[in-house]
Amino acid sequence: SVSVSGDTAVIGAPGMGAAYVFVRSGGTWSKQQELTASDETASDYFGYSVSVSGGTTLIGASAKNTNQGAAYVFVQSGQVWTQQQELTASDGAAKDSFGFSVSMSGGTAVIGAPGNNGSQGAAYGFALSGGVWGQQGKLTASDGAAGDSFGNSVSVSGASAVIAAYHKNADQGAAYLFALSGGGWGQQQEFTASDGVAGDYFGRSVSVSGDTAAIGTVGRNNSLGAAYVFAVPQPTISAVISAGDFGGFPAVA
């Protein structure tokens, strides 16, 4: 897993239980620091997913605590990164794989848990307030079904998030656009490939930036693969999920 923001890159090494920060200076990249979790145990898969935004990075450990999963926020001060907080889902359970995918944009984070609810999957929004990250809501697909793996990949940019379910519809796959308004997330649109077929794995990877989303299909055309680009409409909320609907803030460390 890799993520870049400005002159900072973060690269995950889940087999080693670490992530590495590299910085660019004068056209040259050099390693700045190795990051590990304060409560790390063997096989947590810390570094399975990473996202960096400015001086903050989010790192997933999807196998932690019998695959319940966790994610860790690190902040930069000068040349040193320190762990700020551990994030978990308020309703987390074994095999959720929370932290399988992570994405951060400023003071907003979205974390996927594709194993939640019989692998129907879910994603969780978090917001930074007063130096503390709190759960902002639980996101699920309006037409979700067991085995969809919703949350296998996530991406957030400003008030828009794209969350994929690559096992949906016999592995044809789908992705969903959510919009943030008034402190809650609401589903806005479902994306599918116009020529999609079973086994495409549409949504195995996703990225959104501003008003553009790109969605990868690794199984397309006998695994030759393809990517689809979509225009992201301006947010219009039909339903809002508040943090209070799911037990308030998550456990933190």
C-alpha atoms as a PDB file:
ATOM      1  CA  SER A   1       0.000   0.000   0.000  1.00  0.00           C
ATOM      2  CA  VAL A   2       1.274   3.459  -0.857  1.00  0.00           C
ATOM      3  CA  SER A   3       0.109   7.057  -0.484  1.00  0.00           C
ATOM      4  CA  VAL A   4       1.643  10.417  -1.339  1.00  0.00           C
ATOM      5  CA  SER A   5       0.836  13.987  -0.319  1.00  0.00           C
ATOM      6  CA  GLY A   6       3.084  16.798  -1.472  1.00  0.00           C
ATOM      7  CA  ASP A   7       6.675  15.863  -0.646  1.00  0.00           C
ATOM      8  CA  THR A   8       5.746  13.024   1.710  1.00  0.00           C
ATOM      9  CA  ALA A   9       5.160   9.372   0.802  1.00  0.00           C
ATOM     10  CA  VAL A  10       4.057   6.549   3.105  1.00  0.00           C
ATOM     11  CA  ILE A  11       4.630   2.915   2.146  1.00  0.00           C
ATOM     12  CA  GLY A  12       3.175  -0.030   4.034  1.00  0.00           C
ATOM     13  CA  ALA A  13       4.991  -3.261   4.843  1.00  0.00           C
ATOM     14  CA  PRO A  14       2.282  -5.381   6.522  1.00  0.00           C
ATOM     15  CA  GLY A  15       4.423  -8.515   6.673  1.00  0.00           C
ATOM     16  CA  MET A  16       6.869  -6.564   8.825  1.00  0.00           C
ATOM     17  CA  GLY A  17       4.154  -4.763  10.784  1.00  0.00           C
ATOM     18  CA  ALA A  18       5.436  -1.355   9.749  1.00  0.00           C
ATOM     19  CA  ALA A  19       5.016   1.617   7.459  1.00  0.00           C
ATOM     20  CA  TYR A  20       7.775   3.851   6.184  1.00  0.00           C
ATOM     21  CA  VAL A  21       7.750   7.600   5.639  1.00  0.00           C
ATOM     22  CA  PHE A  22       9.849   9.023   2.812  1.00  0.00           C
ATOM     23  CA  VAL A  23      10.381  12.724   2.106  1.00  0.00           C
ATOM     24  CA  ARG A  24      11.497  14.475  -1.049  1.00  0.00           C
ATOM     25  CA  SER A  25      14.153  17.169  -0.969  1.00  0.00           C
ATOM     26  CA  GLY A  26      15.813  18.607  -4.054  1.00  0.00           C
ATOM     27  CA  GLY A  27      14.491  15.848  -6.281  1.00  0.00           C
ATOM     28  CA  THR A  28      15.695  13.041  -4.009  1.00  0.00           C
ATOM     29  CA  TRP A  29      13.566  10.787  -1.810  1.00  0.00           C
ATOM     30  CA  SER A  30      14.977   9.565   1.500  1.00  0.00           C
ATOM     31  CA  LYS A  31      13.558   7.547   4.391  1.00  0.00           C
ATOM     32  CA  GLN A  32      12.482   9.737   7.289  1.00  0.00           C
ATOM     33  CA  GLN A  33      11.024   7.260   9.771  1.00  0.00           C
ATOM     34  CA  GLU A  34       9.681   3.765  10.348  1.00  0.00           C
ATOM     35  CA  LEU A  35       6.213   3.735  11.959  1.00  0.00           C
ATOM     36  CA  THR A  36       4.865   0.941  14.159  1.00  0.00           C
ATOM     37  CA  ALA A  37       1.797   0.667  16.397  1.00  0.00           C
ATOM     38  CA  SER A  38       2.229   1.146  20.148  1.00  0.00           C
ATOM     39  CA  ASP A  39       0.241  -2.028  20.893  1.00  0.00           C
ATOM     40  CA  GLU A  40       1.349  -4.094  17.934  1.00  0.00           C
ATOM     41  CA  THR A  41       1.247  -7.865  18.023  1.00  0.00           C
ATOM     42  CA  ALA A  42       2.413 -10.424  15.491  1.00  0.00           C
ATOM     43  CA  SER A  43       0.260 -10.770  12.378  1.00  0.00           C
ATOM     44  CA  ASP A  44      -1.763  -7.564  12.933  1.00  0.00           C
ATOM     45  CA  TYR A  45      -0.926  -6.580   9.338  1.00  0.00           C
ATOM     46  CA  PHE A  46      -0.179  -3.027  10.375  1.00  0.00           C
ATOM     47  CA  GLY A  47       0.555  -1.236   7.094  1.00  0.00           C
ATOM     48  CA  TYR A  48      -1.925  -3.219   4.999  1.00  0.00           C
ATOM     49  CA  SER A  49      -3.450   0.120   3.998  1.00  0.00           C
ATOM     50  CA  VAL A  50      -2.053   3.637   4.299  1.00  0.00           C
ATOM     51  CA  SER A  51      -3.164   7.181   3.547  1.00  0.00           C
ATOM     52  CA  VAL A  52      -1.312  10.456   4.119  1.00  0.00           C
ATOM     53  CA  SER A  53      -2.748  13.972   4.002  1.00  0.00           C
ATOM     54  CA  GLY A  54      -0.412  16.819   4.866  1.00  0.00           C
ATOM     55  CA  GLY A  55       1.178  16.143   8.251  1.00  0.00           C
ATOM     56  CA  THR A  56      -1.202  13.313   9.181  1.00  0.00           C
ATOM     57  CA  THR A  57      -1.128   9.677   8.142  1.00  0.00           C
ATOM     58  CA  LEU A  58      -3.634   6.863   8.700  1.00  0.00           C
ATOM     59  CA  ILE A  59      -2.471   3.250   8.779  1.00  0.00           C
ATOM     60  CA  GLY A  60      -4.690   0.179   8.814  1.00  0.00           C
ATOM     61  CA  ALA A  61      -4.071  -3.077  10.694  1.00  0.00           C
ATOM     62  CA  SER A  62      -6.894  -5.211   9.360  1.00  0.00           C
ATOM     63  CA  ALA A  63      -5.927  -8.475  11.094  1.00  0.00           C
ATOM     64  CA  LYS A  64      -5.661  -7.057  14.622  1.00  0.00           C
ATOM     65  CA  ASN A  65      -7.699  -8.725  17.373  1.00  0.00           C
ATOM     66  CA  THR A  66      -8.869 -11.808  15.450  1.00  0.00           C
ATOM     67  CA  ASN A  67      -9.350  -9.790  12.262  1.00  0.00           C
ATOM     68  CA  GLN A  68     -11.588  -7.243  13.945  1.00  0.00           C
ATOM     69  CA  GLY A  69      -9.056  -4.675  12.818  1.00  0.00           C
ATOM     70  CA  ALA A  70      -7.896  -1.217  13.801  1.00  0.00           C
ATOM     71  CA  ALA A  71      -6.398   1.910  12.279  1.00  0.00           C
ATOM     72  CA  TYR A  72      -3.803   4.295  13.672  1.00  0.00           C
ATOM     73  CA  VAL A  73      -3.364   8.022  13.221  1.00  0.00           C
ATOM     74  CA  PHE A  74       0.141   9.467  13.251  1.00  0.00           C
ATOM     75  CA  VAL A  75       0.942  13.175  13.221  1.00  0.00           C
ATOM     76  CA  GLN A  76       4.105  14.990  12.215  1.00  0.00           C
ATOM     77  CA  SER A  77       5.910  17.506  14.398  1.00  0.00           C
ATOM     78  CA  GLY A  78       9.060  18.807  12.799  1.00  0.00           C
ATOM     79  CA  GLN A  79      10.849  15.746  11.451  1.00  0.00           C
ATOM     80  CA  VAL A  80       9.229  13.273  13.862  1.00  0.00           C
ATOM     81  CA  TRP A  81       5.998  11.277  13.518  1.00  0.00           C
ATOM     82  CA  THR A  82       4.162  10.124  16.645  1.00  0.00           C
ATOM     83  CA  GLN A  83       1.045   8.024  17.167  1.00  0.00           C
ATOM     84  CA  GLN A  84      -1.926  10.248  17.986  1.00  0.00           C
ATOM     85  CA  GLN A  85      -4.795   7.802  18.294  1.00  0.00           C
ATOM     86  CA  GLU A  86      -5.995   4.280  17.624  1.00  0.00           C
ATOM     87  CA  LEU A  87      -9.355   4.032  15.849  1.00  0.00           C
ATOM     88  CA  THR A  88     -11.790   1.130  16.069  1.00  0.00           C
ATOM     89  CA  ALA A  89     -15.409   0.686  15.001  1.00  0.00           C
ATOM     90  CA  SER A  90     -18.015   1.289  17.697  1.00  0.00           C
ATOM     91  CA  ASP A  91     -19.717  -2.002  16.765  1.00  0.00           C
ATOM     92  CA  GLY A  92     -16.596  -3.889  15.719  1.00  0.00           C
ATOM     93  CA  ALA A  93     -16.514  -7.681  15.775  1.00  0.00           C
ATOM     94  CA  ALA A  94     -14.110 -10.457  14.846  1.00  0.00           C
ATOM     95  CA  LYS A  95     -13.560 -10.930  11.100  1.00  0.00           C
ATOM     96  CA  ASP A  96     -14.724  -7.378  10.219  1.00  0.00           C
ATOM     97  CA  SER A  97     -11.273  -6.538   8.777  1.00  0.00           C
ATOM     98  CA  PHE A  98     -11.652  -2.890   9.818  1.00  0.00           C
ATOM     99  CA  GLY A  99      -8.665  -1.088   8.290  1.00  0.00           C
ATOM    100  CA  PHE A 100      -8.522  -3.265   5.164  1.00  0.00           C
ATOM    101  CA  SER A 101      -8.762   0.061   3.327  1.00  0.00           C
ATOM    102  CA  VAL A 102      -8.233   3.606   4.594  1.00  0.00           C
ATOM    103  CA  SER A 103      -8.408   7.092   3.127  1.00  0.00           C
ATOM    104  CA  MET A 104      -7.856  10.526   4.630  1.00  0.00           C
ATOM    105  CA  SER A 105      -8.572  14.045   3.401  1.00  0.00           C
ATOM    106  CA  GLY A 106      -7.785  16.836   5.850  1.00  0.00           C
ATOM    107  CA  GLY A 107      -9.840  16.283   8.991  1.00  0.00           C
ATOM    108  CA  THR A 108     -11.957  13.506   7.452  1.00  0.00           C
ATOM    109  CA  ALA A 109     -11.174   9.791   7.301  1.00  0.00           C
ATOM    110  CA  VAL A 110     -13.019   6.797   5.861  1.00  0.00           C
ATOM    111  CA  ILE A 111     -12.083   3.257   6.886  1.00  0.00           C
ATOM    112  CA  GLY A 112     -13.366   0.094   5.210  1.00  0.00           C
ATOM    113  CA  ALA A 113     -14.450  -3.080   6.994  1.00  0.00           C
ATOM    114  CA  PRO A 114     -15.358  -5.482   4.156  1.00  0.00           C
ATOM    115  CA  GLY A 115     -15.884  -8.448   6.481  1.00  0.00           C
ATOM    116  CA  ASN A 116     -18.611  -6.756   8.529  1.00  0.00           C
ATOM    117  CA  ASN A 117     -22.019  -8.454   8.741  1.00  0.00           C
ATOM    118  CA  GLY A 118     -21.257 -11.672   6.907  1.00  0.00           C
ATOM    119  CA  SER A 119     -18.950  -9.878   4.476  1.00  0.00           C
ATOM    120  CA  GLN A 120     -21.726  -7.586   3.330  1.00  0.00           C
ATOM    121  CA  GLY A 121     -19.262  -4.964   4.441  1.00  0.00           C
ATOM    122  CA  ALA A 122     -19.294  -1.460   5.810  1.00  0.00           C
ATOM    123  CA  ALA A 123     -17.195   1.664   6.026  1.00  0.00           C
ATOM    124  CA  TYR A 124     -16.835   4.115   8.886  1.00  0.00           C
ATOM    125  CA  GLY A 125     -16.410   7.855   8.728  1.00  0.00           C
ATOM    126  CA  PHE A 126     -14.271   9.681  11.294  1.00  0.00           C
ATOM    127  CA  ALA A 127     -13.844  13.406  11.848  1.00  0.00           C
ATOM    128  CA  LEU A 128     -11.195  15.372  13.722  1.00  0.00           C
ATOM    129  CA  SER A 129     -12.498  17.777  16.360  1.00  0.00           C
ATOM    130  CA  GLY A 130     -10.460  19.398  19.094  1.00  0.00           C
ATOM    131  CA  GLY A 131      -7.502  17.147  18.410  1.00  0.00           C
ATOM    132  CA  VAL A 132      -9.581  13.964  18.775  1.00  0.00           C
ATOM    133  CA  TRP A 133     -10.906  11.674  16.041  1.00  0.00           C
ATOM    134  CA  GLY A 134     -14.519  10.580  16.587  1.00  0.00           C
ATOM    135  CA  GLN A 135     -16.692   8.203  14.603  1.00  0.00           C
ATOM    136  CA  GLN A 136     -18.948  10.166  12.296  1.00  0.00           C
ATOM    137  CA  GLY A 137     -21.151   7.388  10.990  1.00  0.00           C
ATOM    138  CA  LYS A 138     -21.353   3.891   9.553  1.00  0.00           C
ATOM    139  CA  LEU A 139     -21.794   3.685   5.786  1.00  0.00           C
ATOM    140  CA  THR A 140     -23.449   0.742   4.056  1.00  0.00           C
ATOM    141  CA  ALA A 141     -24.817   0.205   0.552  1.00  0.00           C
ATOM    142  CA  SER A 142     -28.560   0.647   0.077  1.00  0.00           C
ATOM    143  CA  ASP A 143     -28.699  -2.633  -1.880  1.00  0.00           C
ATOM    144  CA  GLY A 144     -25.985  -4.479   0.014  1.00  0.00           C
ATOM    145  CA  ALA A 145     -25.992  -8.255   0.380  1.00  0.00           C
ATOM    146  CA  ALA A 146     -23.886 -10.845   2.165  1.00  0.00           C
ATOM    147  CA  GLY A 147     -20.598 -11.449   0.403  1.00  0.00           C
ATOM    148  CA  ASP A 148     -20.435  -8.079  -1.403  1.00  0.00           C
ATOM    149  CA  SER A 149     -17.313  -6.989   0.547  1.00  0.00           C
ATOM    150  CA  PHE A 150     -18.442  -3.350   0.576  1.00  0.00           C
ATOM    151  CA  GLY A 151     -15.505  -1.350   1.903  1.00  0.00           C
ATOM    152  CA  ASN A 152     -12.781  -3.388   0.219  1.00  0.00           C
ATOM    153  CA  SER A 153     -11.490  -0.093  -1.191  1.00  0.00           C
ATOM    154  CA  VAL A 154     -12.289   3.464  -0.157  1.00  0.00           C
ATOM    155  CA  SER A 155     -11.283   6.962  -1.165  1.00  0.00           C
ATOM    156  CA  VAL A 156     -12.315  10.340   0.251  1.00  0.00           C
ATOM    157  CA  SER A 157     -11.796  13.832  -1.156  1.00  0.00           C
ATOM    158  CA  GLY A 158     -13.371  16.771   0.627  1.00  0.00           C
ATOM    159  CA  ALA A 159     -17.064  16.003   1.097  1.00  0.00           C
ATOM    160  CA  SER A 160     -17.151  13.035  -1.305  1.00  0.00           C
ATOM    161  CA  ALA A 161     -16.263   9.390  -0.683  1.00  0.00           C
ATOM    162  CA  VAL A 162     -16.252   6.447  -3.073  1.00  0.00           C
ATOM    163  CA  ILE A 163     -16.589   3.001  -1.523  1.00  0.00           C
ATOM    164  CA  ALA A 164     -16.420  -0.198  -3.545  1.00  0.00           C
ATOM    165  CA  ALA A 165     -17.980  -3.656  -3.254  1.00  0.00           C
ATOM    166  CA  TYR A 166     -15.965  -5.678  -5.748  1.00  0.00           C
ATOM    167  CA  HIS A 167     -17.656  -9.019  -5.030  1.00  0.00           C
ATOM    168  CA  LYS A 168     -21.143  -7.680  -5.738  1.00  0.00           C
ATOM    169  CA  ASN A 169     -23.243  -9.453  -8.374  1.00  0.00           C
ATOM    170  CA  ALA A 170     -21.077 -12.525  -8.990  1.00  0.00           C
ATOM    171  CA  ASP A 171     -17.861 -10.488  -8.735  1.00  0.00           C
ATOM    172  CA  GLN A 172     -18.981  -8.008 -11.361  1.00  0.00           C
ATOM    173  CA  GLY A 173     -18.611  -5.344  -8.692  1.00  0.00           C
ATOM    174  CA  ALA A 174     -19.966  -1.904  -7.933  1.00  0.00           C
ATOM    175  CA  ALA A 175     -18.906   1.320  -6.257  1.00  0.00           C
ATOM    176  CA  TYR A 176     -20.929   3.873  -4.327  1.00  0.00           C
ATOM    177  CA  LEU A 177     -20.638   7.615  -3.982  1.00  0.00           C
ATOM    178  CA  PHE A 178     -21.381   9.104  -0.562  1.00  0.00           C
ATOM    179  CA  ALA A 179     -21.600  12.794   0.301  1.00  0.00           C
ATOM    180  CA  LEU A 180     -20.923  14.486   3.629  1.00  0.00           C
ATOM    181  CA  SER A 181     -23.343  17.160   4.793  1.00  0.00           C
ATOM    182  CA  GLY A 182     -24.271  18.456   8.228  1.00  0.00           C
ATOM    183  CA  GLY A 183     -21.958  16.023   9.964  1.00  0.00           C
ATOM    184  CA  GLY A 184     -23.430  12.884   8.329  1.00  0.00           C
ATOM    185  CA  TRP A 185     -22.817  10.739   5.260  1.00  0.00           C
ATOM    186  CA  GLY A 186     -25.524   9.864   2.735  1.00  0.00           C
ATOM    187  CA  GLN A 187     -25.436   7.621  -0.322  1.00  0.00           C
ATOM    188  CA  GLN A 188     -25.681   9.635  -3.515  1.00  0.00           C
ATOM    189  CA  GLN A 189     -25.070   7.296  -6.442  1.00  0.00           C
ATOM    190  CA  GLU A 190     -24.063   3.754  -7.432  1.00  0.00           C
ATOM    191  CA  PHE A 191     -21.397   3.315 -10.110  1.00  0.00           C
ATOM    192  CA  THR A 192     -21.164   0.259 -12.356  1.00  0.00           C
ATOM    193  CA  ALA A 193     -19.362  -0.383 -15.621  1.00  0.00           C
ATOM    194  CA  SER A 194     -21.558   0.082 -18.695  1.00  0.00           C
ATOM    195  CA  ASP A 195     -20.089  -3.114 -20.174  1.00  0.00           C
ATOM    196  CA  GLY A 196     -19.532  -4.965 -16.911  1.00  0.00           C
ATOM    197  CA  VAL A 197     -19.681  -8.745 -16.629  1.00  0.00           C
ATOM    198  CA  ALA A 198     -19.271 -11.290 -13.855  1.00  0.00           C
ATOM    199  CA  GLY A 199     -15.666 -11.671 -12.733  1.00  0.00           C
ATOM    200  CA  ASP A 200     -14.602  -8.105 -13.560  1.00  0.00           C
ATOM    201  CA  TYR A 201     -14.024  -7.174  -9.889  1.00  0.00           C
ATOM    202  CA  PHE A 202     -15.093  -3.615 -10.635  1.00  0.00           C
ATOM    203  CA  GLY A 203     -14.040  -1.573  -7.609  1.00  0.00           C
ATOM    204  CA  ARG A 204     -10.985  -3.571  -6.565  1.00  0.00           C
ATOM    205  CA  SER A 205      -9.344  -0.151  -6.389  1.00  0.00           C
ATOM    206  CA  VAL A 206     -10.894   3.318  -6.281  1.00  0.00           C
ATOM    207  CA  SER A 207      -9.724   6.914  -6.099  1.00  0.00           C
ATOM    208  CA  VAL A 208     -11.628  10.183  -6.007  1.00  0.00           C
ATOM    209  CA  SER A 209     -10.227  13.703  -6.314  1.00  0.00           C
ATOM    210  CA  GLY A 210     -12.487  16.715  -6.586  1.00  0.00           C
ATOM    211  CA  ASP A 211     -15.160  15.965  -9.189  1.00  0.00           C
ATOM    212  CA  THR A 212     -13.465  12.909 -10.741  1.00  0.00           C
ATOM    213  CA  ALA A 213     -13.449   9.269  -9.672  1.00  0.00           C
ATOM    214  CA  ALA A 214     -11.398   6.406 -11.149  1.00  0.00           C
ATOM    215  CA  ILE A 215     -12.387   2.788 -10.515  1.00  0.00           C
ATOM    216  CA  GLY A 216     -10.244  -0.237 -11.315  1.00  0.00           C
ATOM    217  CA  THR A 217     -11.455  -3.617 -12.625  1.00  0.00           C
ATOM    218  CA  VAL A 218      -8.627  -6.107 -12.231  1.00  0.00           C
ATOM    219  CA  GLY A 219     -10.516  -9.094 -13.679  1.00  0.00           C
ATOM    220  CA  ARG A 220     -11.635  -7.385 -16.839  1.00  0.00           C
ATOM    221  CA  ASN A 221     -10.846  -9.134 -20.158  1.00  0.00           C
ATOM    222  CA  ASN A 222      -9.150 -12.221 -18.706  1.00  0.00           C
ATOM    223  CA  SER A 223      -7.351 -10.130 -16.060  1.00  0.00           C
ATOM    224  CA  LEU A 224      -5.922  -7.690 -18.579  1.00  0.00           C
ATOM    225  CA  GLY A 225      -7.797  -5.144 -16.459  1.00  0.00           C
ATOM    226  CA  ALA A 226      -9.240  -1.716 -17.057  1.00  0.00           C
ATOM    227  CA  ALA A 227     -10.159   1.470 -15.242  1.00  0.00           C
ATOM    228  CA  TYR A 228     -13.288   3.579 -15.568  1.00  0.00           C
ATOM    229  CA  VAL A 229     -13.503   7.318 -15.002  1.00  0.00           C
ATOM    230  CA  PHE A 230     -16.674   8.946 -13.662  1.00  0.00           C
ATOM    231  CA  ALA A 231     -17.733  12.529 -13.073  1.00  0.00           C
ATOM    232  CA  VAL A 232     -18.678  13.091  -9.444  1.00  0.00           C
ATOM    233  CA  PRO A 233     -21.811  15.241  -9.077  1.00  0.00           C
ATOM    234  CA  GLN A 234     -22.216  17.879  -6.409  1.00  0.00           C
ATOM    235  CA  PRO A 235     -23.450  16.418  -3.118  1.00  0.00           C
ATOM    236  CA  THR A 236     -27.192  16.010  -2.582  1.00  0.00           C
ATOM    237  CA  ILE A 237     -28.189  14.189   0.598  1.00  0.00           C
ATOM    238  CA  SER A 238     -31.175  11.862   0.675  1.00  0.00           C
ATOM    239  CA  ALA A 239     -30.389  10.296   4.048  1.00  0.00           C
ATOM    240  CA  VAL A 240     -27.973  11.143   6.816  1.00  0.00           C
ATOM    241  CA  ILE A 241     -26.423   8.757   9.311  1.00  0.00           C
ATOM    242  CA  SER A 242     -25.251  10.432  12.497  1.00  0.00           C
ATOM    243  CA  ALA A 243     -22.585   9.246  14.911  1.00  0.00           C
ATOM    244  CA  GLY A 244     -25.191   8.878  17.642  1.00  0.00           C
ATOM    245  CA  ASP A 245     -26.972   6.168  15.665  1.00  0.00           C
ATOM    246  CA  PHE A 246     -24.024   3.858  16.242  1.00  0.00           C
ATOM    247  CA  GLY A 247     -23.033   4.322  19.843  1.00  0.00           C
ATOM    248  CA  GLY A 248     -21.128   7.587  19.578  1.00  0.00           C
ATOM    249  CA  PHE A 249     -17.372   7.640  19.525  1.00  0.00           C
ATOM    250  CA  PRO A 250     -15.211   4.514  19.152  1.00  0.00           C
ATOM    251  CA  ALA A 251     -12.681   3.155  21.545  1.00  0.00           C
ATOM    252  CA  VAL A 252      -9.453   5.133  21.423  1.00  0.00           C
ATOM    253  CA  ALA A 253      -5.931   4.587  22.641  1.00  0.00           C
END
